Amino acid sequence: MDFNEIKELIDIVNGSDLQETIIEEGEFKIILRRSSATAASHLIPVAGAPALAYPQATYAAPVTVTAEPVSDLIECRSPIVGTFYQSSSPDAPPFVAINDVVKKGDVLCIIEAMKLMNEIEAEVSGTIVEILVDNGQAVEYDQPLFRIKP
């Protein structure tokens, strides 16, 4: 996959309603994800994949491009459509933060759907590596919310 193909993929995602798309070609994997702020696009080689040298580019569109190993991370996904909240109230501390250690069954966040607050629990024990959505953001069914290193 060359730089022009990656740029075309970014343009396609920007022109659509997609929030996230994953493209795999052999051992090379690219995740295109919309973010709430303008972000620089960057590539990270996947373990075992040949090193690719592409110039770093910045696009005005709010899409983050990453290629990363996924074998050791578990994604916690939204079981419902709703609004993501990191804490039980605006003045309460968040349930979890990056680098927090969680156990299976610990509450990670709340998703509000039709005025009902649904606690989302950790499916595995591990360390929170990434929080993929912002507080108050609308989430879709099966959208990744967290990445956990078991």
C-alpha atoms as a PDB file:
ATOM      1  CA  MET A   1       0.000   0.000   0.000  1.00  0.00           C
ATOM      2  CA  ASP A   2       1.536   3.318  -1.028  1.00  0.00           C
ATOM      3  CA  PHE A   3       1.081   6.847   0.233  1.00  0.00           C
ATOM      4  CA  ASN A   4      -1.408   7.803  -2.511  1.00  0.00           C
ATOM      5  CA  GLU A   5      -3.625   4.807  -1.689  1.00  0.00           C
ATOM      6  CA  ILE A   6      -3.629   5.789   1.977  1.00  0.00           C
ATOM      7  CA  LYS A   7      -4.506   9.393   1.071  1.00  0.00           C
ATOM      8  CA  GLU A   8      -7.402   8.122  -1.106  1.00  0.00           C
ATOM      9  CA  LEU A   9      -8.685   6.007   1.808  1.00  0.00           C
ATOM     10  CA  ILE A  10      -8.595   9.057   4.077  1.00  0.00           C
ATOM     11  CA  ASP A  11     -10.554  11.064   1.499  1.00  0.00           C
ATOM     12  CA  ILE A  12     -13.151   8.277   1.195  1.00  0.00           C
ATOM     13  CA  VAL A  13     -13.642   8.114   4.976  1.00  0.00           C
ATOM     14  CA  ASN A  14     -13.863  11.912   5.195  1.00  0.00           C
ATOM     15  CA  GLY A  15     -16.562  11.962   2.508  1.00  0.00           C
ATOM     16  CA  SER A  16     -18.659   9.295   4.250  1.00  0.00           C
ATOM     17  CA  ASP A  17     -20.524   8.805   7.523  1.00  0.00           C
ATOM     18  CA  LEU A  18     -18.037   6.141   8.676  1.00  0.00           C
ATOM     19  CA  GLN A  19     -16.609   6.668  12.142  1.00  0.00           C
ATOM     20  CA  GLU A  20     -14.004   3.921  11.819  1.00  0.00           C
ATOM     21  CA  THR A  21     -12.744   1.504   9.214  1.00  0.00           C
ATOM     22  CA  ILE A  22     -10.036  -1.151   9.359  1.00  0.00           C
ATOM     23  CA  ILE A  23      -8.066  -2.197   6.271  1.00  0.00           C
ATOM     24  CA  GLU A  24      -5.739  -5.185   6.368  1.00  0.00           C
ATOM     25  CA  GLU A  25      -3.319  -6.179   3.646  1.00  0.00           C
ATOM     26  CA  GLY A  26      -1.166  -9.124   4.675  1.00  0.00           C
ATOM     27  CA  GLU A  27       0.487  -8.207   7.960  1.00  0.00           C
ATOM     28  CA  PHE A  28      -0.087  -4.484   7.362  1.00  0.00           C
ATOM     29  CA  LYS A  29      -3.135  -3.013   9.091  1.00  0.00           C
ATOM     30  CA  ILE A  30      -4.507   0.532   8.959  1.00  0.00           C
ATOM     31  CA  ILE A  31      -7.254   1.853  11.216  1.00  0.00           C
ATOM     32  CA  LEU A  32      -8.951   5.042  10.028  1.00  0.00           C
ATOM     33  CA  ARG A  33     -10.898   6.658  12.857  1.00  0.00           C
ATOM     34  CA  ARG A  34     -12.630  10.009  13.078  1.00  0.00           C
ATOM     35  CA  SER A  35     -11.633  12.117  16.040  1.00  0.00           C
ATOM     36  CA  SER A  36     -13.223  15.235  17.480  1.00  0.00           C
ATOM     37  CA  ALA A  37     -10.197  17.437  16.775  1.00  0.00           C
ATOM     38  CA  THR A  38      -7.952  17.877  13.764  1.00  0.00           C
ATOM     39  CA  ALA A  39      -5.092  15.423  14.099  1.00  0.00           C
ATOM     40  CA  ALA A  40      -1.907  14.650  12.242  1.00  0.00           C
ATOM     41  CA  SER A  41      -1.933  11.394  10.332  1.00  0.00           C
ATOM     42  CA  HIS A  42       0.826   8.965  11.184  1.00  0.00           C
ATOM     43  CA  LEU A  43       1.881   5.402  10.424  1.00  0.00           C
ATOM     44  CA  ILE A  44       3.383   2.910  12.837  1.00  0.00           C
ATOM     45  CA  PRO A  45       4.747  -0.339  11.359  1.00  0.00           C
ATOM     46  CA  VAL A  46       3.092  -3.566  12.463  1.00  0.00           C
ATOM     47  CA  ALA A  47       5.354  -6.161  14.078  1.00  0.00           C
ATOM     48  CA  GLY A  48       6.637  -8.556  11.434  1.00  0.00           C
ATOM     49  CA  ALA A  49       5.652  -6.268   8.544  1.00  0.00           C
ATOM     50  CA  PRO A  50       8.283  -4.754   6.283  1.00  0.00           C
ATOM     51  CA  ALA A  51       9.271  -1.225   7.245  1.00  0.00           C
ATOM     52  CA  LEU A  52       7.591   1.381   5.047  1.00  0.00           C
ATOM     53  CA  ALA A  53       9.009   4.865   4.707  1.00  0.00           C
ATOM     54  CA  TYR A  54       6.292   7.407   4.004  1.00  0.00           C
ATOM     55  CA  PRO A  55       6.613  11.091   4.670  1.00  0.00           C
ATOM     56  CA  GLN A  56       4.504  12.308   7.558  1.00  0.00           C
ATOM     57  CA  ALA A  57       1.600  14.428   6.341  1.00  0.00           C
ATOM     58  CA  THR A  58      -1.026  16.573   8.013  1.00  0.00           C
ATOM     59  CA  TYR A  59      -4.573  16.763   6.672  1.00  0.00           C
ATOM     60  CA  ALA A  60      -7.250  19.270   7.551  1.00  0.00           C
ATOM     61  CA  ALA A  61      -9.805  16.484   7.981  1.00  0.00           C
ATOM     62  CA  PRO A  62     -10.207  15.022  11.498  1.00  0.00           C
ATOM     63  CA  VAL A  63      -9.014  11.468  10.820  1.00  0.00           C
ATOM     64  CA  THR A  64      -6.251   9.664  12.684  1.00  0.00           C
ATOM     65  CA  VAL A  65      -4.476   6.905  10.777  1.00  0.00           C
ATOM     66  CA  THR A  66      -2.645   4.262  12.757  1.00  0.00           C
ATOM     67  CA  ALA A  67      -1.215   0.891  12.004  1.00  0.00           C
ATOM     68  CA  GLU A  68      -0.620  -1.114  15.126  1.00  0.00           C
ATOM     69  CA  PRO A  69      -0.326  -4.654  16.411  1.00  0.00           C
ATOM     70  CA  VAL A  70      -3.616  -5.841  17.830  1.00  0.00           C
ATOM     71  CA  SER A  71      -2.617  -9.293  18.991  1.00  0.00           C
ATOM     72  CA  ASP A  72      -1.991  -8.270  22.603  1.00  0.00           C
ATOM     73  CA  LEU A  73      -4.805  -5.707  23.072  1.00  0.00           C
ATOM     74  CA  ILE A  74      -8.471  -6.405  23.780  1.00  0.00           C
ATOM     75  CA  GLU A  75     -11.021  -3.850  22.608  1.00  0.00           C
ATOM     76  CA  CYS A  76     -13.960  -3.123  24.878  1.00  0.00           C
ATOM     77  CA  ARG A  77     -16.838  -2.244  22.522  1.00  0.00           C
ATOM     78  CA  SER A  78     -20.135  -0.482  23.078  1.00  0.00           C
ATOM     79  CA  PRO A  79     -23.013  -2.951  23.442  1.00  0.00           C
ATOM     80  CA  ILE A  80     -25.574  -0.212  22.642  1.00  0.00           C
ATOM     81  CA  VAL A  81     -26.069   3.132  20.909  1.00  0.00           C
ATOM     82  CA  GLY A  82     -25.980   6.048  23.327  1.00  0.00           C
ATOM     83  CA  THR A  83     -23.891   8.741  24.996  1.00  0.00           C
ATOM     84  CA  PHE A  84     -20.551   7.838  26.608  1.00  0.00           C
ATOM     85  CA  TYR A  85     -19.779   9.133  30.108  1.00  0.00           C
ATOM     86  CA  GLN A  86     -16.491   8.540  31.962  1.00  0.00           C
ATOM     87  CA  SER A  87     -17.987   9.144  35.408  1.00  0.00           C
ATOM     88  CA  SER A  88     -21.263   8.788  37.294  1.00  0.00           C
ATOM     89  CA  SER A  89     -21.755  12.576  37.477  1.00  0.00           C
ATOM     90  CA  PRO A  90     -20.035  15.678  36.089  1.00  0.00           C
ATOM     91  CA  ASP A  91     -18.196  16.337  39.364  1.00  0.00           C
ATOM     92  CA  ALA A  92     -17.232  12.697  40.060  1.00  0.00           C
ATOM     93  CA  PRO A  93     -13.823  11.307  39.077  1.00  0.00           C
ATOM     94  CA  PRO A  94     -13.703   9.081  35.968  1.00  0.00           C
ATOM     95  CA  PHE A  95     -14.214   5.349  36.509  1.00  0.00           C
ATOM     96  CA  VAL A  96     -10.885   4.591  34.782  1.00  0.00           C
ATOM     97  CA  ALA A  97      -7.914   6.417  33.273  1.00  0.00           C
ATOM     98  CA  ILE A  98      -5.072   5.344  31.012  1.00  0.00           C
ATOM     99  CA  ASN A  99      -2.651   2.964  32.815  1.00  0.00           C
ATOM    100  CA  ASP A 100      -5.283   1.978  35.405  1.00  0.00           C
ATOM    101  CA  VAL A 101      -5.383  -1.722  36.245  1.00  0.00           C
ATOM    102  CA  VAL A 102      -8.901  -3.176  36.038  1.00  0.00           C
ATOM    103  CA  LYS A 103     -10.402  -6.534  36.943  1.00  0.00           C
ATOM    104  CA  LYS A 104     -13.071  -8.371  35.000  1.00  0.00           C
ATOM    105  CA  GLY A 105     -16.405  -6.863  36.042  1.00  0.00           C
ATOM    106  CA  ASP A 106     -15.055  -3.417  37.024  1.00  0.00           C
ATOM    107  CA  VAL A 107     -17.146  -0.525  35.707  1.00  0.00           C
ATOM    108  CA  LEU A 108     -15.326   1.285  32.884  1.00  0.00           C
ATOM    109  CA  CYS A 109     -17.937   3.866  31.897  1.00  0.00           C
ATOM    110  CA  ILE A 110     -21.648   4.599  31.567  1.00  0.00           C
ATOM    111  CA  ILE A 111     -23.592   4.738  28.319  1.00  0.00           C
ATOM    112  CA  GLU A 112     -26.857   6.634  28.476  1.00  0.00           C
ATOM    113  CA  ALA A 113     -29.526   5.276  26.158  1.00  0.00           C
ATOM    114  CA  MET A 114     -33.091   6.589  26.252  1.00  0.00           C
ATOM    115  CA  LYS A 115     -32.569   8.169  29.697  1.00  0.00           C
ATOM    116  CA  LEU A 116     -31.268   4.871  31.136  1.00  0.00           C
ATOM    117  CA  MET A 117     -27.725   4.740  32.508  1.00  0.00           C
ATOM    118  CA  ASN A 118     -26.000   1.482  31.514  1.00  0.00           C
ATOM    119  CA  GLU A 119     -22.772   0.564  33.307  1.00  0.00           C
ATOM    120  CA  ILE A 120     -20.211  -0.977  30.942  1.00  0.00           C
ATOM    121  CA  GLU A 121     -17.973  -3.473  32.695  1.00  0.00           C
ATOM    122  CA  ALA A 122     -14.521  -4.804  31.822  1.00  0.00           C
ATOM    123  CA  GLU A 123     -14.690  -8.117  30.009  1.00  0.00           C
ATOM    124  CA  VAL A 124     -11.090  -8.978  30.944  1.00  0.00           C
ATOM    125  CA  SER A 125      -8.585  -8.063  33.628  1.00  0.00           C
ATOM    126  CA  GLY A 126      -5.690  -5.885  32.529  1.00  0.00           C
ATOM    127  CA  THR A 127      -4.380  -2.356  32.050  1.00  0.00           C
ATOM    128  CA  ILE A 128      -6.251   0.423  30.246  1.00  0.00           C
ATOM    129  CA  VAL A 129      -3.997   1.369  27.322  1.00  0.00           C
ATOM    130  CA  GLU A 130      -6.294   3.674  25.380  1.00  0.00           C
ATOM    131  CA  ILE A 131      -9.619   5.477  25.834  1.00  0.00           C
ATOM    132  CA  LEU A 132     -11.030   5.865  22.334  1.00  0.00           C
ATOM    133  CA  VAL A 133     -13.971   8.225  22.913  1.00  0.00           C
ATOM    134  CA  ASP A 134     -14.468  11.571  24.624  1.00  0.00           C
ATOM    135  CA  ASN A 135     -16.756  12.223  27.574  1.00  0.00           C
ATOM    136  CA  GLY A 136     -20.247  13.130  26.342  1.00  0.00           C
ATOM    137  CA  GLN A 137     -19.620  11.727  22.861  1.00  0.00           C
ATOM    138  CA  ALA A 138     -22.322   9.749  21.045  1.00  0.00           C
ATOM    139  CA  VAL A 139     -21.293   6.149  20.418  1.00  0.00           C
ATOM    140  CA  GLU A 140     -22.574   3.530  17.998  1.00  0.00           C
ATOM    141  CA  TYR A 141     -23.285  -0.149  18.579  1.00  0.00           C
ATOM    142  CA  ASP A 142     -20.027  -2.171  18.561  1.00  0.00           C
ATOM    143  CA  GLN A 143     -17.845   0.970  18.515  1.00  0.00           C
ATOM    144  CA  PRO A 144     -14.535   0.440  20.331  1.00  0.00           C
ATOM    145  CA  LEU A 145     -14.439   2.357  23.625  1.00  0.00           C
ATOM    146  CA  PHE A 146     -11.263   1.138  25.354  1.00  0.00           C
ATOM    147  CA  ARG A 147      -8.207  -0.942  24.586  1.00  0.00           C
ATOM    148  CA  ILE A 148      -7.037  -3.170  27.430  1.00  0.00           C
ATOM    149  CA  LYS A 149      -3.731  -5.025  27.672  1.00  0.00           C
ATOM    150  CA  PRO A 150      -4.517  -8.298  29.472  1.00  0.00           C
END
